[in-house]
Each structure stands twice: as C-alpha cells, then as structure tokens.
Amino acid sequence: MKVSPDLKYTQNDEWIRVEGSTGTAGITDYAQEQLSDIVFVEVLASVGETIAKGAAFANVESVKAAAEVYMPVSGTITAVNNALPQGPEAINKDPYGEAWMVRFTITAPAELEGLMSSAAYQKHCEGRSH
C-alpha cells in the first residue's frame, strides 16, 4: 500500500492534495487494492457545482464491489478528470496521479483540520486489515 506524504486523507479512503486554495481529490491506493480491478468510474460532479464535505461526487465499480467517493472538504468544482470513464484502470495503476477525479476551490479551509496525515492514515489502514 502506497501512502503519499504530501496528501491528506479521509476515514473513507479519499485523498486530497492541497495547493493554495485548490484541492485535487481521488481514492487512495488502499481503496483501489480493496476494490481490486476497477471497471467503471462515473464522476457525478460538474464544473461550477459546489459540493459539501461528505457528499458523494463519484461512483467507482470493480469486479468485486461498488463504492461512492465522497468530498474530503467542501468545494466548488473547477475540473473533472474526463479520461477516467474511458480508462478506469488508471485508478489501479496511479491513484494519486493520473487517476485524480476532481479539482476544486476549497470553500471551507477549516475542514482540512479534520483530515488525517499520511502517517495517521497508514495506521488507520493497518488497524483495519487485522
């Protein structure tokens, strides 16, 4: 399981990369490992839409299960990765890079305080795998 030190994480296995007031989000390496081969991705969010922390912004399906992907913090969508529906396997290959799902302007920066560091997230995942 890869955990990137420059990201913050949610209990539900989403990640966020924060660059100034911009956030980029997707699902973690742990999540894609649990799901196995990703076969379908649907990003529900649209550019210009404001989505609250914890609201679903995408659906991911694998050969094993389906899962909703939730906003790590509130934000207004500025970009959607339109390549994912045509190439959902990118999530299995590069969950923190090529397989980003949405970019957004963070509208509630204080919500970032409730997210986990890479070390805390790693510990969280290890606690679930026993």
C-alpha atoms as a PDB file:
ATOM      1  CA  MET A   1       0.000   0.000   0.000  1.00  0.00           C
ATOM      2  CA  LYS A   2       1.355   3.383  -1.023  1.00  0.00           C
ATOM      3  CA  VAL A   3       0.651   6.457   1.074  1.00  0.00           C
ATOM      4  CA  SER A   4       1.855   9.777  -0.290  1.00  0.00           C
ATOM      5  CA  PRO A   5       3.298  12.105   2.381  1.00  0.00           C
ATOM      6  CA  ASP A   6       2.102  15.304   0.670  1.00  0.00           C
ATOM      7  CA  LEU A   7      -1.587  14.363   0.831  1.00  0.00           C
ATOM      8  CA  LYS A   8      -4.304  14.397   3.486  1.00  0.00           C
ATOM      9  CA  TYR A   9      -6.740  11.515   3.890  1.00  0.00           C
ATOM     10  CA  THR A  10     -10.315  10.742   4.985  1.00  0.00           C
ATOM     11  CA  GLN A  11     -11.635   7.808   7.032  1.00  0.00           C
ATOM     12  CA  ASN A  12     -13.461   6.719   3.832  1.00  0.00           C
ATOM     13  CA  ASP A  13     -10.244   6.389   1.784  1.00  0.00           C
ATOM     14  CA  GLU A  14     -10.311   9.599  -0.221  1.00  0.00           C
ATOM     15  CA  TRP A  15      -7.196  11.738  -0.620  1.00  0.00           C
ATOM     16  CA  ILE A  16      -6.768  15.454  -1.177  1.00  0.00           C
ATOM     17  CA  ARG A  17      -3.749  17.353  -2.472  1.00  0.00           C
ATOM     18  CA  VAL A  18      -3.890  20.968  -1.310  1.00  0.00           C
ATOM     19  CA  GLU A  19      -2.165  23.643  -3.385  1.00  0.00           C
ATOM     20  CA  GLY A  20      -3.075  27.080  -2.034  1.00  0.00           C
ATOM     21  CA  SER A  21      -6.880  27.272  -2.186  1.00  0.00           C
ATOM     22  CA  THR A  22      -7.149  24.449  -4.735  1.00  0.00           C
ATOM     23  CA  GLY A  23      -7.847  20.840  -3.827  1.00  0.00           C
ATOM     24  CA  THR A  24      -7.466  17.756  -6.016  1.00  0.00           C
ATOM     25  CA  ALA A  25      -9.180  14.568  -4.844  1.00  0.00           C
ATOM     26  CA  GLY A  26      -9.440  10.869  -5.646  1.00  0.00           C
ATOM     27  CA  ILE A  27      -9.421   7.472  -3.950  1.00  0.00           C
ATOM     28  CA  THR A  28      -6.428   6.016  -2.147  1.00  0.00           C
ATOM     29  CA  ASP A  29      -4.157   3.147  -3.059  1.00  0.00           C
ATOM     30  CA  TYR A  30      -5.652   1.212  -0.115  1.00  0.00           C
ATOM     31  CA  ALA A  31      -9.156   1.706  -1.538  1.00  0.00           C
ATOM     32  CA  GLN A  32      -8.215   0.534  -5.023  1.00  0.00           C
ATOM     33  CA  GLU A  33      -6.437  -2.517  -3.533  1.00  0.00           C
ATOM     34  CA  GLN A  34      -9.590  -3.416  -1.573  1.00  0.00           C
ATOM     35  CA  LEU A  35     -11.812  -2.930  -4.629  1.00  0.00           C
ATOM     36  CA  SER A  36      -9.477  -4.863  -6.955  1.00  0.00           C
ATOM     37  CA  ASP A  37      -9.808  -4.299 -10.725  1.00  0.00           C
ATOM     38  CA  ILE A  38     -11.689  -1.048 -11.355  1.00  0.00           C
ATOM     39  CA  VAL A  39     -14.014  -1.453 -14.349  1.00  0.00           C
ATOM     40  CA  PHE A  40     -16.232   1.663 -14.187  1.00  0.00           C
ATOM     41  CA  VAL A  41     -15.910   5.247 -12.951  1.00  0.00           C
ATOM     42  CA  GLU A  42     -18.640   7.870 -13.032  1.00  0.00           C
ATOM     43  CA  VAL A  43     -17.831  11.376 -11.807  1.00  0.00           C
ATOM     44  CA  LEU A  44     -21.141  12.883 -10.711  1.00  0.00           C
ATOM     45  CA  ALA A  45     -19.778  16.380 -10.089  1.00  0.00           C
ATOM     46  CA  SER A  46     -19.907  19.120 -12.710  1.00  0.00           C
ATOM     47  CA  VAL A  47     -17.652  22.142 -13.151  1.00  0.00           C
ATOM     48  CA  GLY A  48     -19.143  25.088 -11.259  1.00  0.00           C
ATOM     49  CA  GLU A  49     -21.031  22.897  -8.782  1.00  0.00           C
ATOM     50  CA  THR A  50     -20.405  23.422  -5.069  1.00  0.00           C
ATOM     51  CA  ILE A  51     -20.334  20.153  -3.138  1.00  0.00           C
ATOM     52  CA  ALA A  52     -20.351  19.799   0.645  1.00  0.00           C
ATOM     53  CA  LYS A  53     -17.812  17.778   2.600  1.00  0.00           C
ATOM     54  CA  GLY A  54     -19.003  14.171   2.815  1.00  0.00           C
ATOM     55  CA  ALA A  55     -21.299  14.373  -0.229  1.00  0.00           C
ATOM     56  CA  ALA A  56     -20.749  11.793  -2.978  1.00  0.00           C
ATOM     57  CA  PHE A  57     -19.046  13.160  -6.085  1.00  0.00           C
ATOM     58  CA  ALA A  58     -18.248   9.911  -7.937  1.00  0.00           C
ATOM     59  CA  ASN A  59     -19.053   6.216  -8.196  1.00  0.00           C
ATOM     60  CA  VAL A  60     -16.435   3.530  -8.699  1.00  0.00           C
ATOM     61  CA  GLU A  61     -17.161  -0.089  -9.594  1.00  0.00           C
ATOM     62  CA  SER A  62     -14.802  -3.025  -9.607  1.00  0.00           C
ATOM     63  CA  VAL A  63     -15.147  -6.711 -10.295  1.00  0.00           C
ATOM     64  CA  LYS A  64     -15.790  -7.127  -6.528  1.00  0.00           C
ATOM     65  CA  ALA A  65     -17.846  -4.139  -5.382  1.00  0.00           C
ATOM     66  CA  ALA A  66     -19.200  -0.662  -5.995  1.00  0.00           C
ATOM     67  CA  ALA A  67     -18.330   2.358  -3.887  1.00  0.00           C
ATOM     68  CA  GLU A  68     -19.233   6.011  -3.646  1.00  0.00           C
ATOM     69  CA  VAL A  69     -16.450   8.583  -3.447  1.00  0.00           C
ATOM     70  CA  TYR A  70     -17.027  11.489  -1.060  1.00  0.00           C
ATOM     71  CA  MET A  71     -15.724  15.060  -0.965  1.00  0.00           C
ATOM     72  CA  PRO A  72     -12.908  15.327   1.617  1.00  0.00           C
ATOM     73  CA  VAL A  73     -13.774  19.013   2.200  1.00  0.00           C
ATOM     74  CA  SER A  74     -16.370  21.384   0.768  1.00  0.00           C
ATOM     75  CA  GLY A  75     -15.532  22.976  -2.558  1.00  0.00           C
ATOM     76  CA  THR A  76     -16.590  24.354  -5.932  1.00  0.00           C
ATOM     77  CA  ILE A  77     -15.591  22.040  -8.788  1.00  0.00           C
ATOM     78  CA  THR A  78     -13.147  23.598 -11.282  1.00  0.00           C
ATOM     79  CA  ALA A  79     -12.160  20.479 -13.271  1.00  0.00           C
ATOM     80  CA  VAL A  80     -13.279  16.872 -13.728  1.00  0.00           C
ATOM     81  CA  ASN A  81     -10.971  14.111 -14.992  1.00  0.00           C
ATOM     82  CA  ASN A  82     -12.921  13.169 -18.113  1.00  0.00           C
ATOM     83  CA  ALA A  83     -10.353  10.489 -19.050  1.00  0.00           C
ATOM     84  CA  LEU A  84     -11.370   8.204 -16.142  1.00  0.00           C
ATOM     85  CA  PRO A  85     -14.655   6.856 -17.593  1.00  0.00           C
ATOM     86  CA  GLN A  86     -12.749   5.700 -20.713  1.00  0.00           C
ATOM     87  CA  GLY A  87      -9.794   4.383 -18.682  1.00  0.00           C
ATOM     88  CA  PRO A  88     -10.976   3.371 -15.201  1.00  0.00           C
ATOM     89  CA  GLU A  89      -7.956   1.063 -14.761  1.00  0.00           C
ATOM     90  CA  ALA A  90      -5.856   4.230 -14.231  1.00  0.00           C
ATOM     91  CA  ILE A  91      -7.093   4.121 -10.616  1.00  0.00           C
ATOM     92  CA  ASN A  92      -5.384   0.751 -10.144  1.00  0.00           C
ATOM     93  CA  LYS A  93      -2.147   2.000 -11.747  1.00  0.00           C
ATOM     94  CA  ASP A  94      -1.789   5.560 -10.442  1.00  0.00           C
ATOM     95  CA  PRO A  95      -4.415   6.512  -7.830  1.00  0.00           C
ATOM     96  CA  TYR A  96      -2.519   9.625  -6.666  1.00  0.00           C
ATOM     97  CA  GLY A  97      -1.535  10.970 -10.085  1.00  0.00           C
ATOM     98  CA  GLU A  98      -3.197  10.189 -13.397  1.00  0.00           C
ATOM     99  CA  ALA A  99      -6.382   8.989 -11.654  1.00  0.00           C
ATOM    100  CA  TRP A 100      -7.316  12.221  -9.856  1.00  0.00           C
ATOM    101  CA  MET A 101     -11.087  12.665 -10.027  1.00  0.00           C
ATOM    102  CA  VAL A 102     -11.917  16.321  -9.351  1.00  0.00           C
ATOM    103  CA  ARG A 103     -10.174  19.652  -8.791  1.00  0.00           C
ATOM    104  CA  PHE A 104     -11.947  22.307  -6.794  1.00  0.00           C
ATOM    105  CA  THR A 105     -11.648  25.596  -4.968  1.00  0.00           C
ATOM    106  CA  ILE A 106     -11.718  24.814  -1.244  1.00  0.00           C
ATOM    107  CA  THR A 107     -14.640  26.757   0.256  1.00  0.00           C
ATOM    108  CA  ALA A 108     -14.182  25.720   3.913  1.00  0.00           C
ATOM    109  CA  PRO A 109     -10.413  25.558   4.639  1.00  0.00           C
ATOM    110  CA  ALA A 110     -11.048  24.817   8.343  1.00  0.00           C
ATOM    111  CA  GLU A 111     -12.390  21.373   7.299  1.00  0.00           C
ATOM    112  CA  LEU A 112      -8.834  20.375   6.327  1.00  0.00           C
ATOM    113  CA  GLU A 113      -8.009  20.178  10.051  1.00  0.00           C
ATOM    114  CA  GLY A 114     -10.239  17.106  10.399  1.00  0.00           C
ATOM    115  CA  LEU A 115      -8.294  15.063   7.840  1.00  0.00           C
ATOM    116  CA  MET A 116      -5.532  12.555   8.546  1.00  0.00           C
ATOM    117  CA  SER A 117      -1.837  12.918   7.784  1.00  0.00           C
ATOM    118  CA  SER A 118      -0.163  10.166   5.769  1.00  0.00           C
ATOM    119  CA  ALA A 119       1.178   8.559   8.975  1.00  0.00           C
ATOM    120  CA  ALA A 120      -2.247   8.615  10.654  1.00  0.00           C
ATOM    121  CA  TYR A 121      -3.901   7.198   7.536  1.00  0.00           C
ATOM    122  CA  GLN A 122      -1.335   4.408   7.264  1.00  0.00           C
ATOM    123  CA  LYS A 123      -2.054   3.481  10.897  1.00  0.00           C
ATOM    124  CA  HIS A 124      -5.810   3.658  10.220  1.00  0.00           C
ATOM    125  CA  CYS A 125      -5.466   1.196   7.301  1.00  0.00           C
ATOM    126  CA  GLU A 126      -3.215  -1.170   9.255  1.00  0.00           C
ATOM    127  CA  GLY A 127      -5.800  -1.254  12.040  1.00  0.00           C
ATOM    128  CA  ARG A 128      -8.478  -2.406   9.591  1.00  0.00           C
ATOM    129  CA  SER A 129      -6.503  -5.192   7.951  1.00  0.00           C
ATOM    130  CA  HIS A 130      -6.290  -7.393  11.068  1.00  0.00           C
END
